[in-house]
Amino acid sequence: METLTSLAEWSHLSPLLEFRNRVIEICRDPQSREMRPDGVPGRLKLSLRKQLLSELLRLEDRLGMRLLTAEEIATIKVLWQDPRYNSYLASDSGTTIDEQNIL
């Protein structure tokens, strides 16, 4: 992707590359993850997932392109409310964004 964004006709996509690299860094950080009951790092903390979605939506606006449909965003929100998703997330009750600002 670095090679692609270095080309003049694709350079406008470099913010997506930066976002991707940020997501990779966050995913590698054990502090970004919930610990499963067996002590193994699990999924990203819900607050980070919400923050990343918010950043991606702002990036879409900045670039003038849609990467996620309204239906996909709605599905993400429904999944975040599913009790199965939240089964071991009690320690991550805070969020960094106002959910009303996500579409």
Foldseek 3Di string as FASTA:
>chain_A
DVVQCVDPVNVLCVVVVVLVVVVVVLVVDLVQFFQDPVRHGDDGQPQVVVVSLLVVVVVCVVSVHDDDDPVRLVVVVVVVPDCVVCVRRPVRPDHDDDPVSND
